Amino acid sequence: MTTLREKISLTLLTGLFMVCSLRYYPDHPRQTALVTGQHLLTLAPFLVGTALITNALFQRLSGDKPSRVNLFRIGLTLGITIEFILGIYHYLAINS
């Protein structure tokens, strides 16, 4: 059973991931929504694969599976890091 603290931290990580995933086009809300959705669908298989590799690595090193909450937390942290780097690249590509 997950505690309230775990639920809050997972919700905050998910919110931060969504903010980092946002591809903002000033004065074009439709394009912002379409490009953000396309970006999330493109990145989802990569994040799922990373989570599976991380799960296998933890199983190999410790001998037991990490809990789902910890696995989601690790996946979201990796996703936030990747999204931050891709967001900077996107911002620089628009402004050049």
C-alpha atoms as a PDB file:
ATOM      1  CA  MET A   1       0.000   0.000   0.000  1.00  0.00           C
ATOM      2  CA  THR A   2       1.359   3.398  -0.897  1.00  0.00           C
ATOM      3  CA  THR A   3       1.453   6.167   1.638  1.00  0.00           C
ATOM      4  CA  LEU A   4       0.141   9.668   1.132  1.00  0.00           C
ATOM      5  CA  ARG A   5       3.684  10.998   0.880  1.00  0.00           C
ATOM      6  CA  GLU A   6       4.497   8.571  -1.958  1.00  0.00           C
ATOM      7  CA  LYS A   7       1.297   9.538  -3.792  1.00  0.00           C
ATOM      8  CA  ILE A   8       2.087  13.249  -3.462  1.00  0.00           C
ATOM      9  CA  SER A   9       5.674  12.848  -4.650  1.00  0.00           C
ATOM     10  CA  LEU A  10       4.559  10.730  -7.615  1.00  0.00           C
ATOM     11  CA  THR A  11       1.907  13.318  -8.525  1.00  0.00           C
ATOM     12  CA  LEU A  12       4.454  16.143  -8.326  1.00  0.00           C
ATOM     13  CA  LEU A  13       6.927  14.210 -10.472  1.00  0.00           C
ATOM     14  CA  THR A  14       4.203  13.528 -13.044  1.00  0.00           C
ATOM     15  CA  GLY A  15       3.242  17.212 -13.096  1.00  0.00           C
ATOM     16  CA  LEU A  16       6.849  18.284 -13.511  1.00  0.00           C
ATOM     17  CA  PHE A  17       7.254  15.758 -16.332  1.00  0.00           C
ATOM     18  CA  MET A  18       4.207  17.203 -18.105  1.00  0.00           C
ATOM     19  CA  VAL A  19       5.537  20.756 -17.712  1.00  0.00           C
ATOM     20  CA  CYS A  20       8.922  19.695 -19.100  1.00  0.00           C
ATOM     21  CA  SER A  21       7.161  17.915 -21.996  1.00  0.00           C
ATOM     22  CA  LEU A  22       5.229  21.014 -23.031  1.00  0.00           C
ATOM     23  CA  ARG A  23       6.287  22.344 -26.425  1.00  0.00           C
ATOM     24  CA  TYR A  24       5.122  25.949 -26.322  1.00  0.00           C
ATOM     25  CA  TYR A  25       4.418  27.999 -29.439  1.00  0.00           C
ATOM     26  CA  PRO A  26       3.479  31.586 -28.537  1.00  0.00           C
ATOM     27  CA  ASP A  27       0.026  32.631 -29.820  1.00  0.00           C
ATOM     28  CA  HIS A  28      -0.593  29.149 -31.299  1.00  0.00           C
ATOM     29  CA  PRO A  29      -2.399  27.011 -28.688  1.00  0.00           C
ATOM     30  CA  ARG A  30      -3.509  24.374 -31.212  1.00  0.00           C
ATOM     31  CA  GLN A  31       0.028  23.870 -32.498  1.00  0.00           C
ATOM     32  CA  THR A  32       1.263  23.727 -28.894  1.00  0.00           C
ATOM     33  CA  ALA A  33      -1.221  20.940 -28.072  1.00  0.00           C
ATOM     34  CA  LEU A  34      -0.532  18.968 -31.262  1.00  0.00           C
ATOM     35  CA  VAL A  35       3.262  19.128 -31.030  1.00  0.00           C
ATOM     36  CA  THR A  36       3.202  18.315 -27.299  1.00  0.00           C
ATOM     37  CA  GLY A  37       0.971  15.279 -27.902  1.00  0.00           C
ATOM     38  CA  GLN A  38       3.121  14.120 -30.799  1.00  0.00           C
ATOM     39  CA  HIS A  39       6.227  14.537 -28.684  1.00  0.00           C
ATOM     40  CA  LEU A  40       4.762  12.515 -25.796  1.00  0.00           C
ATOM     41  CA  LEU A  41       3.709   9.700 -28.141  1.00  0.00           C
ATOM     42  CA  THR A  42       7.164   9.670 -29.713  1.00  0.00           C
ATOM     43  CA  LEU A  43       8.976   9.601 -26.376  1.00  0.00           C
ATOM     44  CA  ALA A  44       6.707   7.064 -24.611  1.00  0.00           C
ATOM     45  CA  PRO A  45       8.318   3.888 -26.054  1.00  0.00           C
ATOM     46  CA  PHE A  46      11.752   5.156 -25.081  1.00  0.00           C
ATOM     47  CA  LEU A  47      10.653   5.787 -21.489  1.00  0.00           C
ATOM     48  CA  VAL A  48       8.937   2.391 -21.227  1.00  0.00           C
ATOM     49  CA  GLY A  49      12.084   0.700 -22.526  1.00  0.00           C
ATOM     50  CA  THR A  50      14.220   2.616 -20.054  1.00  0.00           C
ATOM     51  CA  ALA A  51      11.912   1.555 -17.221  1.00  0.00           C
ATOM     52  CA  LEU A  52      12.141  -2.097 -18.292  1.00  0.00           C
ATOM     53  CA  ILE A  53      15.939  -1.958 -18.468  1.00  0.00           C
ATOM     54  CA  THR A  54      16.073  -0.267 -15.059  1.00  0.00           C
ATOM     55  CA  ASN A  55      13.776  -2.942 -13.623  1.00  0.00           C
ATOM     56  CA  ALA A  56      15.965  -5.719 -15.040  1.00  0.00           C
ATOM     57  CA  LEU A  57      19.083  -4.026 -13.676  1.00  0.00           C
ATOM     58  CA  PHE A  58      17.597  -3.749 -10.182  1.00  0.00           C
ATOM     59  CA  GLN A  59      16.460  -7.376 -10.317  1.00  0.00           C
ATOM     60  CA  ARG A  60      19.940  -8.469 -11.327  1.00  0.00           C
ATOM     61  CA  LEU A  61      21.723  -6.419  -8.663  1.00  0.00           C
ATOM     62  CA  SER A  62      19.419  -6.875  -5.679  1.00  0.00           C
ATOM     63  CA  GLY A  63      17.640 -10.120  -6.485  1.00  0.00           C
ATOM     64  CA  ASP A  64      14.110  -8.772  -6.095  1.00  0.00           C
ATOM     65  CA  LYS A  65      11.839  -6.420  -8.014  1.00  0.00           C
ATOM     66  CA  PRO A  66      11.516  -2.770  -6.984  1.00  0.00           C
ATOM     67  CA  SER A  67       8.011  -1.645  -6.105  1.00  0.00           C
ATOM     68  CA  ARG A  68       5.896  -0.117  -8.854  1.00  0.00           C
ATOM     69  CA  VAL A  69       5.983   3.282  -7.194  1.00  0.00           C
ATOM     70  CA  ASN A  70       9.778   3.270  -7.101  1.00  0.00           C
ATOM     71  CA  LEU A  71       9.927   2.076 -10.708  1.00  0.00           C
ATOM     72  CA  PHE A  72       7.586   4.887 -11.820  1.00  0.00           C
ATOM     73  CA  ARG A  73       9.579   7.376  -9.784  1.00  0.00           C
ATOM     74  CA  ILE A  74      12.849   6.327 -11.438  1.00  0.00           C
ATOM     75  CA  GLY A  75      11.239   6.394 -14.893  1.00  0.00           C
ATOM     76  CA  LEU A  76       9.778   9.850 -14.329  1.00  0.00           C
ATOM     77  CA  THR A  77      13.085  11.183 -13.021  1.00  0.00           C
ATOM     78  CA  LEU A  78      14.869   9.908 -16.126  1.00  0.00           C
ATOM     79  CA  GLY A  79      12.056  11.314 -18.262  1.00  0.00           C
ATOM     80  CA  ILE A  80      12.307  14.743 -16.635  1.00  0.00           C
ATOM     81  CA  THR A  81      16.050  14.816 -17.257  1.00  0.00           C
ATOM     82  CA  ILE A  82      15.599  13.843 -20.906  1.00  0.00           C
ATOM     83  CA  GLU A  83      12.705  16.276 -21.375  1.00  0.00           C
ATOM     84  CA  PHE A  84      14.709  19.130 -19.895  1.00  0.00           C
ATOM     85  CA  ILE A  85      17.525  18.561 -22.386  1.00  0.00           C
ATOM     86  CA  LEU A  86      15.116  18.127 -25.319  1.00  0.00           C
ATOM     87  CA  GLY A  87      13.162  21.209 -24.212  1.00  0.00           C
ATOM     88  CA  ILE A  88      16.285  23.360 -24.298  1.00  0.00           C
ATOM     89  CA  TYR A  89      17.077  22.007 -27.776  1.00  0.00           C
ATOM     90  CA  HIS A  90      13.497  22.762 -28.923  1.00  0.00           C
ATOM     91  CA  TYR A  91      13.633  26.282 -27.497  1.00  0.00           C
ATOM     92  CA  LEU A  92      16.959  27.014 -29.202  1.00  0.00           C
ATOM     93  CA  ALA A  93      15.696  25.570 -32.511  1.00  0.00           C
ATOM     94  CA  ILE A  94      12.623  27.843 -32.473  1.00  0.00           C
ATOM     95  CA  ASN A  95      14.591  30.973 -31.617  1.00  0.00           C
ATOM     96  CA  SER A  96      17.313  30.506 -34.216  1.00  0.00           C
END
